[in-house]
Amino acid sequence: MFIGIGTVVNVATILAGSILGVLIGHRLSHRTRDLVTDALGLVTLLIAIMSALTVQDEALSAAVGDSAPVLIVLGAMLIGGITGSMLRIEQRLEGFGAWLQHRFSRRSENGEEENRFVEGFVSASMVFCVGPLTILGALSDGLGRGADQLLLKAVLDGFASIAFAASLGWGVAASALVVLVIQGLMTGVGALLGDVLPDAHVAALGATGGLLLVGVALRLLKIKQIAVADLLPALVVAPLLVQLLFVIR
């Protein structure tokens, strides 16, 4: 298989799942669609917790010390959040979603359809792009190690997109564009740079990504609308902080 096949399959499963979700969505009551979204939020929370627990990874503790991993994640979230807020990532992502809604779909007079499209686009983009499999799978694919991780992610995203689209509509399909860009770029990085992420850096990235997924779960469960997109730079900051502490030690 060619390099990049994992991302191609991932995009295809999201589109297929979104179409299926929209087709069956109108047959579900509003209460049922809300329940589907809540169930997806709970599953996202479970995956987030499992990912965040990589903060206890032995390789990370050995590289930076037993007490530093949590501080690294904290620092990454703070620095990344400030950076993302200054760059207005969340606002720009929502604006892009609104533009797509105006371009490809009809608006209702009260704006409810637009809000639903944007929420589907933003929430699905975060779920499909924040998890550790996104970066690690794309890097592995780019390095020529195979697309097994991305193919697994494609299956998970396909089922998730059915549930998302049944509740949130065509905005979920639009999130495939974000997946294509982000995973495509990361695959290119893997192909150009080679294996540059030691186990400790990967663990810090996974723990930080897990916390971001907690934010996504809270959005889906309608507990708090955390600006998760503004926190995305934390995924870059976390490995850098690990490297900084490793050099200092």
Protein backbone atom coordinates (compact mmCIF):
# COMPACT_ATOMS: atom_id res chain seq x y z
CA MET A 1 0.00 0.00 0.00
CA PHE A 2 1.15 3.55 -0.70
CA ILE A 3 2.06 6.10 1.97
CA GLY A 4 -1.06 8.06 2.89
CA ILE A 5 -3.51 5.18 2.38
CA GLY A 6 -4.50 5.38 6.05
CA THR A 7 -5.71 8.97 5.73
CA VAL A 8 -7.53 8.23 2.47
CA VAL A 9 -9.43 5.34 4.06
CA ASN A 10 -10.12 7.44 7.17
CA VAL A 11 -11.66 10.25 5.12
CA ALA A 12 -13.74 7.73 3.16
CA THR A 13 -15.17 6.10 6.30
CA ILE A 14 -16.08 9.49 7.78
CA LEU A 15 -17.91 10.50 4.60
CA ALA A 16 -19.68 7.14 4.32
CA GLY A 17 -20.64 7.17 7.99
CA SER A 18 -21.89 10.75 7.74
CA ILE A 19 -24.10 9.97 4.75
CA LEU A 20 -25.56 6.95 6.52
CA GLY A 21 -26.08 8.94 9.70
CA VAL A 22 -27.92 11.73 7.87
CA LEU A 23 -30.09 9.23 6.00
CA ILE A 24 -31.28 7.55 9.17
CA GLY A 25 -31.16 10.65 11.34
CA HIS A 26 -34.58 12.00 10.32
CA ARG A 27 -36.14 8.73 11.40
CA LEU A 28 -34.94 9.20 14.95
CA SER A 29 -36.75 11.31 17.50
CA HIS A 30 -35.05 14.37 18.99
CA ARG A 31 -34.77 12.52 22.30
CA THR A 32 -33.09 9.55 20.63
CA ARG A 33 -30.61 11.77 18.78
CA ASP A 34 -29.72 13.53 22.02
CA LEU A 35 -29.19 10.16 23.66
CA VAL A 36 -26.90 9.07 20.83
CA THR A 37 -24.81 12.22 21.31
CA ASP A 38 -24.67 11.63 25.07
CA ALA A 39 -23.55 8.04 24.52
CA LEU A 40 -20.84 9.22 22.15
CA GLY A 41 -19.76 11.77 24.75
CA LEU A 42 -19.44 9.08 27.40
CA VAL A 43 -17.39 6.85 25.11
CA THR A 44 -15.20 9.81 24.19
CA LEU A 45 -14.68 10.44 27.91
CA LEU A 46 -13.62 6.80 28.39
CA ILE A 47 -11.09 7.02 25.55
CA ALA A 48 -9.88 10.34 26.92
CA ILE A 49 -9.24 8.90 30.37
CA MET A 50 -7.36 5.94 28.91
CA SER A 51 -5.19 8.31 26.85
CA ALA A 52 -4.58 10.73 29.72
CA LEU A 53 -3.31 7.89 31.91
CA THR A 54 -0.21 7.68 29.72
CA VAL A 55 1.07 10.46 31.99
CA GLN A 56 2.13 7.55 34.20
CA ASP A 57 4.25 6.02 31.45
CA GLU A 58 7.59 4.72 32.74
CA ALA A 59 9.56 6.13 29.81
CA LEU A 60 8.25 9.62 30.55
CA SER A 61 9.08 9.37 34.26
CA ALA A 62 12.54 8.07 33.49
CA ALA A 63 13.23 10.98 31.14
CA VAL A 64 11.97 13.87 33.28
CA GLY A 65 11.56 12.50 36.81
CA ASP A 66 8.61 11.06 38.73
CA SER A 67 7.08 14.40 39.71
CA ALA A 68 7.43 16.20 36.38
CA PRO A 69 4.96 14.47 33.98
CA VAL A 70 1.85 16.15 35.42
CA LEU A 71 3.64 19.51 35.45
CA ILE A 72 4.60 19.00 31.80
CA VAL A 73 0.98 18.40 30.84
CA LEU A 74 -0.09 21.41 32.92
CA GLY A 75 2.52 23.61 31.30
CA ALA A 76 1.59 22.38 27.83
CA MET A 77 -2.09 23.12 28.43
CA LEU A 78 -1.40 26.61 29.77
CA ILE A 79 1.13 27.63 27.12
CA GLY A 80 -0.85 25.95 24.35
CA GLY A 81 -4.11 27.50 25.54
CA ILE A 82 -2.65 31.00 25.65
CA THR A 83 -1.13 30.54 22.20
CA GLY A 84 -4.32 29.11 20.72
CA SER A 85 -6.42 31.87 22.26
CA MET A 86 -4.13 34.54 20.79
CA LEU A 87 -4.35 32.82 17.40
CA ARG A 88 -8.15 32.49 17.80
CA ILE A 89 -8.08 28.91 16.54
CA GLU A 90 -11.55 28.06 17.87
CA GLN A 91 -13.07 31.19 16.38
CA ARG A 92 -11.41 30.59 13.02
CA LEU A 93 -12.52 26.94 12.96
CA GLU A 94 -16.09 27.93 13.77
CA GLY A 95 -15.93 30.64 11.12
CA PHE A 96 -14.75 28.12 8.55
CA GLY A 97 -17.62 25.83 9.51
CA ALA A 98 -20.09 28.68 9.16
CA TRP A 99 -18.66 29.54 5.72
CA LEU A 100 -19.11 25.93 4.61
CA GLN A 101 -22.68 26.02 5.89
CA HIS A 102 -23.41 29.17 3.88
CA ARG A 103 -21.74 27.70 0.81
CA PHE A 104 -23.21 24.22 0.72
CA SER A 105 -26.38 24.21 2.77
CA ARG A 106 -29.52 26.27 3.16
CA ARG A 107 -29.94 28.29 6.33
CA SER A 108 -33.12 28.27 8.35
CA GLU A 109 -34.55 31.64 9.30
CA ASN A 110 -33.77 31.26 13.00
CA GLY A 111 -30.20 30.11 12.37
CA GLU A 112 -30.75 26.75 14.11
CA GLU A 113 -29.53 24.79 11.09
CA GLU A 114 -26.32 26.84 10.90
CA ASN A 115 -25.57 26.35 14.59
CA ARG A 116 -26.16 22.62 14.22
CA PHE A 117 -23.84 22.43 11.21
CA VAL A 118 -21.06 24.35 13.00
CA GLU A 119 -21.37 22.26 16.16
CA GLY A 120 -21.21 19.05 14.13
CA PHE A 121 -18.20 20.30 12.19
CA VAL A 122 -16.27 21.50 15.25
CA SER A 123 -17.10 18.58 17.56
CA ALA A 124 -16.41 15.93 14.93
CA SER A 125 -13.18 17.65 13.86
CA MET A 126 -11.94 17.61 17.45
CA VAL A 127 -12.88 13.97 18.07
CA PHE A 128 -11.34 12.80 14.78
CA CYS A 129 -8.15 14.88 15.05
CA VAL A 130 -7.19 15.23 18.72
CA GLY A 131 -6.59 11.59 19.68
CA PRO A 132 -3.07 10.16 19.84
CA LEU A 133 -3.86 7.83 16.91
CA THR A 134 -4.14 10.88 14.65
CA ILE A 135 -0.54 11.97 15.09
CA LEU A 136 1.08 8.64 15.88
CA GLY A 137 -0.78 6.80 13.14
CA ALA A 138 -0.02 9.45 10.53
CA LEU A 139 3.67 9.55 11.51
CA SER A 140 3.88 5.75 11.33
CA ASP A 141 2.26 5.79 7.91
CA GLY A 142 4.67 8.48 6.72
CA LEU A 143 7.65 6.55 8.03
CA GLY A 144 6.63 3.57 5.89
CA ARG A 145 5.83 1.40 8.91
CA GLY A 146 2.33 0.67 7.71
CA ALA A 147 -1.08 2.26 8.18
CA ASP A 148 -2.43 -0.21 10.74
CA GLN A 149 -3.07 2.47 13.37
CA LEU A 150 -4.88 4.77 10.95
CA LEU A 151 -6.94 1.90 9.56
CA LEU A 152 -8.08 1.11 13.10
CA LYS A 153 -8.87 4.79 13.62
CA ALA A 154 -10.79 4.82 10.33
CA VAL A 155 -13.11 2.08 11.57
CA LEU A 156 -13.68 3.89 14.87
CA ASP A 157 -14.27 7.23 13.13
CA GLY A 158 -16.67 5.63 10.67
CA PHE A 159 -18.94 4.34 13.42
CA ALA A 160 -18.59 7.59 15.37
CA SER A 161 -19.53 9.65 12.30
CA ILE A 162 -22.79 7.70 11.95
CA ALA A 163 -23.74 8.65 15.49
CA PHE A 164 -22.55 12.23 15.07
CA ALA A 165 -24.31 12.81 11.75
CA ALA A 166 -27.56 11.29 12.97
CA SER A 167 -27.62 13.99 15.62
CA LEU A 168 -25.65 16.90 14.13
CA GLY A 169 -26.09 16.54 10.36
CA TRP A 170 -23.81 17.43 7.44
CA GLY A 171 -21.27 19.34 9.50
CA VAL A 172 -19.78 15.97 10.43
CA ALA A 173 -19.02 15.20 6.78
CA ALA A 174 -17.24 18.55 6.46
CA SER A 175 -14.87 17.50 9.24
CA ALA A 176 -13.33 15.04 6.77
CA LEU A 177 -11.56 18.08 5.26
CA VAL A 178 -9.85 18.78 8.58
CA VAL A 179 -8.85 15.12 8.91
CA LEU A 180 -7.42 15.16 5.38
CA VAL A 181 -5.34 18.28 6.04
CA ILE A 182 -4.06 17.41 9.53
CA GLN A 183 -3.31 13.75 8.94
CA GLY A 184 -1.94 14.49 5.49
CA LEU A 185 0.48 17.04 6.95
CA MET A 186 1.55 14.70 9.75
CA THR A 187 2.12 11.90 7.24
CA GLY A 188 4.31 14.28 5.25
CA VAL A 189 6.23 15.19 8.40
CA GLY A 190 6.83 11.52 9.10
CA ALA A 191 8.08 10.94 5.57
CA LEU A 192 10.45 13.94 5.70
CA LEU A 193 11.81 13.84 9.23
CA GLY A 194 11.90 10.17 10.10
CA ASP A 195 11.50 8.78 13.57
CA VAL A 196 12.10 11.81 15.79
CA LEU A 197 9.73 11.16 18.69
CA PRO A 198 11.18 9.09 21.56
CA ASP A 199 8.80 7.14 23.82
CA ALA A 200 8.81 9.85 26.52
CA HIS A 201 7.72 12.53 24.06
CA VAL A 202 4.98 10.28 22.69
CA ALA A 203 3.69 9.62 26.22
CA ALA A 204 3.50 13.35 27.00
CA LEU A 205 1.70 13.97 23.73
CA GLY A 206 -0.76 11.16 24.44
CA ALA A 207 -1.55 12.41 27.95
CA THR A 208 -2.10 15.95 26.68
CA GLY A 209 -4.30 14.71 23.85
CA GLY A 210 -6.30 12.71 26.37
CA LEU A 211 -7.06 15.87 28.35
CA LEU A 212 -8.17 17.63 25.18
CA LEU A 213 -10.54 14.76 24.52
CA VAL A 214 -12.00 15.27 28.00
CA GLY A 215 -12.85 18.79 26.86
CA VAL A 216 -14.55 17.37 23.76
CA ALA A 217 -16.53 14.94 25.92
CA LEU A 218 -17.72 17.79 28.16
CA ARG A 219 -18.92 19.65 25.05
CA LEU A 220 -20.80 16.62 23.77
CA LEU A 221 -22.41 16.06 27.17
CA LYS A 222 -23.39 19.76 27.26
CA ILE A 223 -21.60 20.24 30.56
CA LYS A 224 -19.29 23.05 29.45
CA GLN A 225 -18.42 24.48 26.05
CA ILE A 226 -14.63 24.37 26.40
CA ALA A 227 -12.73 25.99 23.52
CA VAL A 228 -10.84 22.79 22.77
CA ALA A 229 -9.49 24.03 19.46
CA ASP A 230 -7.64 26.85 21.25
CA LEU A 231 -5.84 24.18 23.28
CA LEU A 232 -4.51 22.30 20.24
CA PRO A 233 -1.04 23.97 20.36
CA ALA A 234 -0.53 22.04 23.62
CA LEU A 235 0.10 18.96 21.47
CA VAL A 236 3.21 20.68 20.12
CA VAL A 237 4.27 22.20 23.43
CA ALA A 238 4.19 18.94 25.43
CA PRO A 239 7.03 17.14 23.57
CA LEU A 240 9.05 20.37 23.57
CA LEU A 241 8.77 20.63 27.36
CA VAL A 242 9.88 17.02 27.71
CA GLN A 243 12.93 17.75 25.58
CA LEU A 244 13.69 20.88 27.62
CA LEU A 245 13.58 19.04 30.94
CA PHE A 246 15.57 16.16 29.49
CA VAL A 247 18.33 18.56 28.46
CA ILE A 248 18.28 20.34 31.84
CA ARG A 249 18.59 17.09 33.73
